PDB file of N, CA and C in Angstrom:
ATOM      1  N   MET A   1       0.853  -1.169   0.000  1.00  0.00           N
ATOM      2  CA  MET A   1       0.000   0.000   0.000  1.00  0.00           C
ATOM      3  C   MET A   1       0.901   1.235   0.000  1.00  0.00           C
ATOM      4  N   GLY A   2       0.415   2.326  -0.630  1.00  0.00           N
ATOM      5  CA  GLY A   2       1.172   3.568  -0.692  1.00  0.00           C
ATOM      6  C   GLY A   2       1.183   4.291   0.632  1.00  0.00           C
ATOM      7  N   HIS A   3       1.732   5.459   0.625  1.00  0.00           N
ATOM      8  CA  HIS A   3       1.787   6.287   1.827  1.00  0.00           C
ATOM      9  C   HIS A   3       0.412   6.833   2.150  1.00  0.00           C
ATOM     10  N   ARG A   4       0.073   6.854   3.400  1.00  0.00           N
ATOM     11  CA  ARG A   4      -1.214   7.388   3.831  1.00  0.00           C
ATOM     12  C   ARG A   4      -0.990   8.731   4.518  1.00  0.00           C
ATOM     13  N   LEU A   5      -1.707   9.730   4.059  1.00  0.00           N
ATOM     14  CA  LEU A   5      -1.626  11.056   4.683  1.00  0.00           C
ATOM     15  C   LEU A   5      -2.740  11.155   5.709  1.00  0.00           C
ATOM     16  N   THR A   6      -2.372  11.176   6.966  1.00  0.00           N
ATOM     17  CA  THR A   6      -3.389  11.240   8.004  1.00  0.00           C
ATOM     18  C   THR A   6      -3.606  12.659   8.507  1.00  0.00           C
ATOM     19  N   LYS A   7      -2.589  13.498   8.383  1.00  0.00           N
ATOM     20  CA  LYS A   7      -2.718  14.887   8.832  1.00  0.00           C
ATOM     21  C   LYS A   7      -2.053  15.791   7.804  1.00  0.00           C
ATOM     22  N   ILE A   8      -2.783  16.792   7.386  1.00  0.00           N
ATOM     23  CA  ILE A   8      -2.235  17.770   6.446  1.00  0.00           C
ATOM     24  C   ILE A   8      -2.416  19.152   7.063  1.00  0.00           C
ATOM     25  N   TYR A   9      -1.339  19.893   7.135  1.00  0.00           N
ATOM     26  CA  TYR A   9      -1.383  21.233   7.715  1.00  0.00           C
ATOM     27  C   TYR A   9      -0.985  22.256   6.661  1.00  0.00           C
ATOM     28  N   THR A  10      -1.759  23.337   6.570  1.00  0.00           N
ATOM     29  CA  THR A  10      -1.388  24.427   5.652  1.00  0.00           C
ATOM     30  C   THR A  10      -0.606  25.509   6.382  1.00  0.00           C
ATOM     31  N   ARG A  11      -0.645  25.475   7.689  1.00  0.00           N
ATOM     32  CA  ARG A  11       0.034  26.444   8.561  1.00  0.00           C
ATOM     33  C   ARG A  11      -0.512  27.867   8.430  1.00  0.00           C
ATOM     34  N   THR A  12      -1.687  27.998   7.819  1.00  0.00           N
ATOM     35  CA  THR A  12      -2.287  29.329   7.725  1.00  0.00           C
ATOM     36  C   THR A  12      -3.485  29.451   8.657  1.00  0.00           C
ATOM     37  N   GLY A  13      -3.911  28.341   9.238  1.00  0.00           N
ATOM     38  CA  GLY A  13      -5.058  28.382  10.136  1.00  0.00           C
ATOM     39  C   GLY A  13      -6.337  28.596   9.352  1.00  0.00           C
ATOM     40  N   ASP A  14      -7.460  28.420   9.992  1.00  0.00           N
ATOM     41  CA  ASP A  14      -8.735  28.629   9.324  1.00  0.00           C
ATOM     42  C   ASP A  14      -9.319  29.951   9.790  1.00  0.00           C
ATOM     43  N   THR A  15      -9.053  30.965   9.016  1.00  0.00           N
ATOM     44  CA  THR A  15      -9.586  32.291   9.317  1.00  0.00           C
ATOM     45  C   THR A  15     -10.794  32.596   8.446  1.00  0.00           C
ATOM     46  N   GLY A  16     -11.348  31.550   7.809  1.00  0.00           N
ATOM     47  CA  GLY A  16     -12.504  31.753   6.944  1.00  0.00           C
ATOM     48  C   GLY A  16     -12.121  32.237   5.563  1.00  0.00           C
ATOM     49  N   GLU A  17     -10.859  32.093   5.213  1.00  0.00           N
ATOM     50  CA  GLU A  17     -10.392  32.526   3.895  1.00  0.00           C
ATOM     51  C   GLU A  17      -9.751  31.363   3.168  1.00  0.00           C
ATOM     52  N   THR A  18      -9.644  31.515   1.853  1.00  0.00           N
ATOM     53  CA  THR A  18      -8.951  30.523   1.033  1.00  0.00           C
ATOM     54  C   THR A  18      -8.000  31.246   0.097  1.00  0.00           C
ATOM     55  N   GLY A  19      -6.918  30.583  -0.268  1.00  0.00           N
ATOM     56  CA  GLY A  19      -5.917  31.203  -1.119  1.00  0.00           C
ATOM     57  C   GLY A  19      -6.207  30.995  -2.593  1.00  0.00           C
ATOM     58  N   LEU A  20      -5.946  32.025  -3.380  1.00  0.00           N
ATOM     59  CA  LEU A  20      -6.054  31.935  -4.833  1.00  0.00           C
ATOM     60  C   LEU A  20      -4.692  31.581  -5.415  1.00  0.00           C
ATOM     61  N   GLY A  21      -4.668  31.286  -6.695  1.00  0.00           N
ATOM     62  CA  GLY A  21      -3.439  30.883  -7.353  1.00  0.00           C
ATOM     63  C   GLY A  21      -2.365  31.947  -7.367  1.00  0.00           C
ATOM     64  N   ASP A  22      -2.765  33.211  -7.243  1.00  0.00           N
ATOM     65  CA  ASP A  22      -1.783  34.298  -7.251  1.00  0.00           C
ATOM     66  C   ASP A  22      -1.315  34.665  -5.843  1.00  0.00           C
ATOM     67  N   GLY A  23      -1.757  33.890  -4.846  1.00  0.00           N
ATOM     68  CA  GLY A  23      -1.342  34.140  -3.466  1.00  0.00           C
ATOM     69  C   GLY A  23      -2.289  35.042  -2.689  1.00  0.00           C
ATOM     70  N   SER A  24      -3.228  35.700  -3.376  1.00  0.00           N
ATOM     71  CA  SER A  24      -4.197  36.536  -2.662  1.00  0.00           C
ATOM     72  C   SER A  24      -5.210  35.640  -1.958  1.00  0.00           C
ATOM     73  N   ARG A  25      -5.982  36.227  -1.049  1.00  0.00           N
ATOM     74  CA  ARG A  25      -6.933  35.457  -0.256  1.00  0.00           C
ATOM     75  C   ARG A  25      -8.318  36.053  -0.407  1.00  0.00           C
ATOM     76  N   LEU A  26      -9.316  35.169  -0.358  1.00  0.00           N
ATOM     77  CA  LEU A  26     -10.723  35.558  -0.436  1.00  0.00           C
ATOM     78  C   LEU A  26     -11.496  34.855   0.665  1.00  0.00           C
ATOM     79  N   PRO A  27     -12.605  35.460   1.118  1.00  0.00           N
ATOM     80  CA  PRO A  27     -13.460  34.751   2.069  1.00  0.00           C
ATOM     81  C   PRO A  27     -14.006  33.472   1.432  1.00  0.00           C
ATOM     82  N   LYS A  28     -14.091  32.411   2.226  1.00  0.00           N
ATOM     83  CA  LYS A  28     -14.587  31.144   1.700  1.00  0.00           C
ATOM     84  C   LYS A  28     -16.034  31.234   1.232  1.00  0.00           C
ATOM     85  N   ASP A  29     -16.777  32.203   1.732  1.00  0.00           N
ATOM     86  CA  ASP A  29     -18.173  32.337   1.314  1.00  0.00           C
ATOM     87  C   ASP A  29     -18.342  33.353   0.182  1.00  0.00           C
ATOM     88  N   SER A  30     -17.258  33.720  -0.488  1.00  0.00           N
ATOM     89  CA  SER A  30     -17.354  34.690  -1.586  1.00  0.00           C
ATOM     90  C   SER A  30     -18.003  34.044  -2.808  1.00  0.00           C
ATOM     91  N   LEU A  31     -18.574  34.866  -3.657  1.00  0.00           N
ATOM     92  CA  LEU A  31     -19.199  34.366  -4.881  1.00  0.00           C
ATOM     93  C   LEU A  31     -18.185  33.707  -5.804  1.00  0.00           C
ATOM     94  N   ARG A  32     -16.987  34.221  -5.823  1.00  0.00           N
ATOM     95  CA  ARG A  32     -15.961  33.638  -6.697  1.00  0.00           C
ATOM     96  C   ARG A  32     -15.618  32.214  -6.264  1.00  0.00           C
ATOM     97  N   VAL A  33     -15.444  31.987  -4.975  1.00  0.00           N
ATOM     98  CA  VAL A  33     -15.147  30.647  -4.470  1.00  0.00           C
ATOM     99  C   VAL A  33     -16.336  29.722  -4.738  1.00  0.00           C
ATOM    100  N   HIS A  34     -17.534  30.220  -4.544  1.00  0.00           N
ATOM    101  CA  HIS A  34     -18.739  29.437  -4.828  1.00  0.00           C
ATOM    102  C   HIS A  34     -18.779  29.062  -6.314  1.00  0.00           C
ATOM    103  N   ALA A  35     -18.489  30.020  -7.186  1.00  0.00           N
ATOM    104  CA  ALA A  35     -18.501  29.763  -8.631  1.00  0.00           C
ATOM    105  C   ALA A  35     -17.459  28.710  -9.011  1.00  0.00           C
ATOM    106  N   LEU A  36     -16.278  28.778  -8.411  1.00  0.00           N
ATOM    107  CA  LEU A  36     -15.245  27.774  -8.696  1.00  0.00           C
ATOM    108  C   LEU A  36     -15.734  26.368  -8.326  1.00  0.00           C
ATOM    109  N   GLY A  37     -16.419  26.257  -7.201  1.00  0.00           N
ATOM    110  CA  GLY A  37     -16.978  24.975  -6.785  1.00  0.00           C
ATOM    111  C   GLY A  37     -18.051  24.481  -7.737  1.00  0.00           C
ATOM    112  N   GLU A  38     -18.891  25.403  -8.227  1.00  0.00           N
ATOM    113  CA  GLU A  38     -19.944  25.027  -9.161  1.00  0.00           C
ATOM    114  C   GLU A  38     -19.358  24.542 -10.482  1.00  0.00           C
ATOM    115  N   VAL A  39     -18.326  25.224 -10.967  1.00  0.00           N
ATOM    116  CA  VAL A  39     -17.647  24.802 -12.205  1.00  0.00           C
ATOM    117  C   VAL A  39     -17.063  23.409 -12.016  1.00  0.00           C
ATOM    118  N   ASP A  40     -16.456  23.170 -10.878  1.00  0.00           N
ATOM    119  CA  ASP A  40     -15.859  21.866 -10.581  1.00  0.00           C
ATOM    120  C   ASP A  40     -16.922  20.765 -10.532  1.00  0.00           C
ATOM    121  N   GLU A  41     -18.048  21.058  -9.891  1.00  0.00           N
ATOM    122  CA  GLU A  41     -19.135  20.076  -9.800  1.00  0.00           C
ATOM    123  C   GLU A  41     -19.699  19.754 -11.180  1.00  0.00           C
ATOM    124  N   LEU A  42     -19.914  20.774 -12.004  1.00  0.00           N
ATOM    125  CA  LEU A  42     -20.427  20.555 -13.349  1.00  0.00           C
ATOM    126  C   LEU A  42     -19.451  19.722 -14.170  1.00  0.00           C
ATOM    127  N   ASN A  43     -18.173  20.041 -14.045  1.00  0.00           N
ATOM    128  CA  ASN A  43     -17.144  19.293 -14.763  1.00  0.00           C
ATOM    129  C   ASN A  43     -17.160  17.820 -14.346  1.00  0.00           C
ATOM    130  N   SER A  44     -17.342  17.575 -13.081  1.00  0.00           N
ATOM    131  CA  SER A  44     -17.411  16.204 -12.566  1.00  0.00           C
ATOM    132  C   SER A  44     -18.629  15.472 -13.121  1.00  0.00           C
ATOM    133  N   ALA A  45     -19.769  16.135 -13.144  1.00  0.00           N
ATOM    134  CA  ALA A  45     -20.993  15.516 -13.667  1.00  0.00           C
ATOM    135  C   ALA A  45     -20.835  15.177 -15.146  1.00  0.00           C
ATOM    136  N   ILE A  46     -20.223  16.062 -15.903  1.00  0.00           N
ATOM    137  CA  ILE A  46     -19.986  15.785 -17.323  1.00  0.00           C
ATOM    138  C   ILE A  46     -19.048  14.592 -17.471  1.00  0.00           C
ATOM    139  N   GLY A  47     -18.034  14.513 -16.608  1.00  0.00           N
ATOM    140  CA  GLY A  47     -17.127  13.376 -16.644  1.00  0.00           C
ATOM    141  C   GLY A  47     -17.851  12.056 -16.415  1.00  0.00           C
ATOM    142  N   LEU A  48     -18.811  12.052 -15.495  1.00  0.00           N
ATOM    143  CA  LEU A  48     -19.606  10.841 -15.262  1.00  0.00           C
ATOM    144  C   LEU A  48     -20.421  10.479 -16.498  1.00  0.00           C
ATOM    145  N   LEU A  49     -21.009  11.475 -17.133  1.00  0.00           N
ATOM    146  CA  LEU A  49     -21.770  11.216 -18.357  1.00  0.00           C
ATOM    147  C   LEU A  49     -20.880  10.646 -19.452  1.00  0.00           C
ATOM    148  N   LEU A  50     -19.669  11.189 -19.576  1.00  0.00           N
ATOM    149  CA  LEU A  50     -18.765  10.738 -20.621  1.00  0.00           C
ATOM    150  C   LEU A  50     -18.271   9.308 -20.402  1.00  0.00           C
ATOM    151  N   ALA A  51     -18.460   8.782 -19.199  1.00  0.00           N
ATOM    152  CA  ALA A  51     -18.087   7.394 -18.923  1.00  0.00           C
ATOM    153  C   ALA A  51     -19.134   6.411 -19.451  1.00  0.00           C
ATOM    154  N   GLU A  52     -20.273   6.945 -19.872  1.00  0.00           N
ATOM    155  CA  GLU A  52     -21.362   6.110 -20.388  1.00  0.00           C
ATOM    156  C   GLU A  52     -21.356   6.101 -21.911  1.00  0.00           C
ATOM    157  N   GLU A  53     -22.138   5.186 -22.485  1.00  0.00           N
ATOM    158  CA  GLU A  53     -22.298   5.165 -23.937  1.00  0.00           C
ATOM    159  C   GLU A  53     -23.206   6.317 -24.338  1.00  0.00           C
ATOM    160  N   LEU A  54     -22.743   7.113 -25.297  1.00  0.00           N
ATOM    161  CA  LEU A  54     -23.477   8.275 -25.757  1.00  0.00           C
ATOM    162  C   LEU A  54     -23.389   8.369 -27.273  1.00  0.00           C
ATOM    163  N   PRO A  55     -24.383   8.999 -27.897  1.00  0.00           N
ATOM    164  CA  PRO A  55     -24.257   9.266 -29.324  1.00  0.00           C
ATOM    165  C   PRO A  55     -23.031  10.141 -29.584  1.00  0.00           C
ATOM    166  N   ASP A  56     -22.391   9.944 -30.728  1.00  0.00           N
ATOM    167  CA  ASP A  56     -21.152  10.657 -31.035  1.00  0.00           C
ATOM    168  C   ASP A  56     -21.294  12.166 -30.924  1.00  0.00           C
ATOM    169  N   GLY A  57     -22.388  12.726 -31.405  1.00  0.00           N
ATOM    170  CA  GLY A  57     -22.585  14.174 -31.351  1.00  0.00           C
ATOM    171  C   GLY A  57     -22.686  14.701 -29.931  1.00  0.00           C
ATOM    172  N   VAL A  58     -23.388  13.947 -29.087  1.00  0.00           N
ATOM    173  CA  VAL A  58     -23.528  14.337 -27.680  1.00  0.00           C
ATOM    174  C   VAL A  58     -22.170  14.248 -26.986  1.00  0.00           C
ATOM    175  N   ARG A  59     -21.442  13.154 -27.258  1.00  0.00           N
ATOM    176  CA  ARG A  59     -20.122  12.977 -26.651  1.00  0.00           C
ATOM    177  C   ARG A  59     -19.193  14.123 -27.045  1.00  0.00           C
ATOM    178  N   ALA A  60     -19.196  14.490 -28.317  1.00  0.00           N
ATOM    179  CA  ALA A  60     -18.325  15.575 -28.785  1.00  0.00           C
ATOM    180  C   ALA A  60     -18.697  16.903 -28.124  1.00  0.00           C
ATOM    181  N   ALA A  61     -19.986  17.174 -28.010  1.00  0.00           N
ATOM    182  CA  ALA A  61     -20.435  18.424 -27.389  1.00  0.00           C
ATOM    183  C   ALA A  61     -20.039  18.471 -25.916  1.00  0.00           C
ATOM    184  N   LEU A  62     -20.264  17.367 -25.192  1.00  0.00           N
ATOM    185  CA  LEU A  62     -19.914  17.331 -23.773  1.00  0.00           C
ATOM    186  C   LEU A  62     -18.405  17.435 -23.569  1.00  0.00           C
ATOM    187  N   ALA A  63     -17.636  16.771 -24.422  1.00  0.00           N
ATOM    188  CA  ALA A  63     -16.175  16.854 -24.297  1.00  0.00           C
ATOM    189  C   ALA A  63     -15.699  18.278 -24.532  1.00  0.00           C
ATOM    190  N   SER A  64     -16.290  18.968 -25.495  1.00  0.00           N
ATOM    191  CA  SER A  64     -15.925  20.360 -25.762  1.00  0.00           C
ATOM    192  C   SER A  64     -16.259  21.258 -24.570  1.00  0.00           C
ATOM    193  N   ILE A  65     -17.442  21.057 -24.005  1.00  0.00           N
ATOM    194  CA  ILE A  65     -17.842  21.829 -22.823  1.00  0.00           C
ATOM    195  C   ILE A  65     -16.899  21.541 -21.665  1.00  0.00           C
ATOM    196  N   GLN A  66     -16.536  20.274 -21.494  1.00  0.00           N
ATOM    197  CA  GLN A  66     -15.648  19.921 -20.400  1.00  0.00           C
ATOM    198  C   GLN A  66     -14.278  20.586 -20.557  1.00  0.00           C
ATOM    199  N   HIS A  67     -13.762  20.633 -21.776  1.00  0.00           N
ATOM    200  CA  HIS A  67     -12.481  21.304 -22.006  1.00  0.00           C
ATOM    201  C   HIS A  67     -12.579  22.791 -21.666  1.00  0.00           C
ATOM    202  N   ASP A  68     -13.699  23.420 -22.032  1.00  0.00           N
ATOM    203  CA  ASP A  68     -13.906  24.832 -21.690  1.00  0.00           C
ATOM    204  C   ASP A  68     -13.953  25.027 -20.177  1.00  0.00           C
ATOM    205  N   LEU A  69     -14.605  24.089 -19.481  1.00  0.00           N
ATOM    206  CA  LEU A  69     -14.690  24.181 -18.021  1.00  0.00           C
ATOM    207  C   LEU A  69     -13.318  24.003 -17.377  1.00  0.00           C
ATOM    208  N   PHE A  70     -12.494  23.095 -17.930  1.00  0.00           N
ATOM    209  CA  PHE A  70     -11.134  22.944 -17.412  1.00  0.00           C
ATOM    210  C   PHE A  70     -10.354  24.245 -17.576  1.00  0.00           C
ATOM    211  N   ASP A  71     -10.493  24.875 -18.750  1.00  0.00           N
ATOM    212  CA  ASP A  71      -9.811  26.150 -18.984  1.00  0.00           C
ATOM    213  C   ASP A  71     -10.297  27.215 -18.010  1.00  0.00           C
ATOM    214  N   LEU A  72     -11.602  27.302 -17.822  1.00  0.00           N
ATOM    215  CA  LEU A  72     -12.166  28.285 -16.899  1.00  0.00           C
ATOM    216  C   LEU A  72     -11.680  28.026 -15.475  1.00  0.00           C
ATOM    217  N   GLY A  73     -11.688  26.775 -15.066  1.00  0.00           N
ATOM    218  CA  GLY A  73     -11.229  26.428 -13.720  1.00  0.00           C
ATOM    219  C   GLY A  73      -9.755  26.722 -13.506  1.00  0.00           C
ATOM    220  N   ALA A  74      -8.963  26.615 -14.566  1.00  0.00           N
ATOM    221  CA  ALA A  74      -7.531  26.889 -14.449  1.00  0.00           C
ATOM    222  C   ALA A  74      -7.247  28.383 -14.359  1.00  0.00           C
ATOM    223  N   LYS A  75      -8.070  29.203 -15.003  1.00  0.00           N
ATOM    224  CA  LYS A  75      -7.836  30.647 -15.034  1.00  0.00           C
ATOM    225  C   LYS A  75      -8.484  31.375 -13.861  1.00  0.00           C
ATOM    226  N   SER A  76      -9.597  30.891 -13.373  1.00  0.00           N
ATOM    227  CA  SER A  76     -10.387  31.602 -12.379  1.00  0.00           C
ATOM    228  C   SER A  76      -9.717  31.828 -11.032  1.00  0.00           C
ATOM    229  N   PRO A  77      -8.801  30.966 -10.572  1.00  0.00           N
ATOM    230  CA  PRO A  77      -8.194  31.212  -9.255  1.00  0.00           C
ATOM    231  C   PRO A  77      -7.214  32.366  -9.222  1.00  0.00           C
ATOM    232  N   PHE A  78      -7.094  33.125 -10.287  1.00  0.00           N
ATOM    233  CA  PHE A  78      -6.175  34.252 -10.317  1.00  0.00           C
ATOM    234  C   PHE A  78      -6.970  35.539 -10.333  1.00  0.00           C
ATOM    235  N   ARG A  79      -6.663  36.430  -9.402  1.00  0.00           N
ATOM    236  CA  ARG A  79      -7.448  37.642  -9.212  1.00  0.00           C
ATOM    237  C   ARG A  79      -7.491  38.527 -10.441  1.00  0.00           C
ATOM    238  N   GLY A  80      -6.401  38.645 -11.198  1.00  0.00           N
ATOM    239  CA  GLY A  80      -6.364  39.552 -12.334  1.00  0.00           C
ATOM    240  C   GLY A  80      -7.112  39.063 -13.560  1.00  0.00           C
ATOM    241  N   ILE A  81      -7.592  37.827 -13.540  1.00  0.00           N
ATOM    242  CA  ILE A  81      -8.285  37.256 -14.678  1.00  0.00           C
ATOM    243  C   ILE A  81      -9.763  37.171 -14.334  1.00  0.00           C
ATOM    244  N   PRO A  82     -10.645  37.696 -15.203  1.00  0.00           N
ATOM    245  CA  PRO A  82     -12.079  37.662 -14.881  1.00  0.00           C
ATOM    246  C   PRO A  82     -12.578  36.243 -14.702  1.00  0.00           C
ATOM    247  N   ALA A  83     -13.458  36.061 -13.726  1.00  0.00           N
ATOM    248  CA  ALA A  83     -14.018  34.737 -13.465  1.00  0.00           C
ATOM    249  C   ALA A  83     -15.105  34.415 -14.462  1.00  0.00           C
TER     250      ALA A  83
END
């Protein structure tokens, strides 16, 4: 069996904030953090659909949407880039 991580510390404490990719911090209840979670959830749901048998056109459309969501999720954690 591989290594098991039983305790992970960020050493920043839980002050109700989360870090963005550029090092800035936002409240965990901010709309931007909520939107990032929603994008992630949608991407996950599309991934589950893509694991099933689908018509080629539907599969292509979902794969394209998923790629766009990956791009959005990669760019959104940076403050200078619009969410």
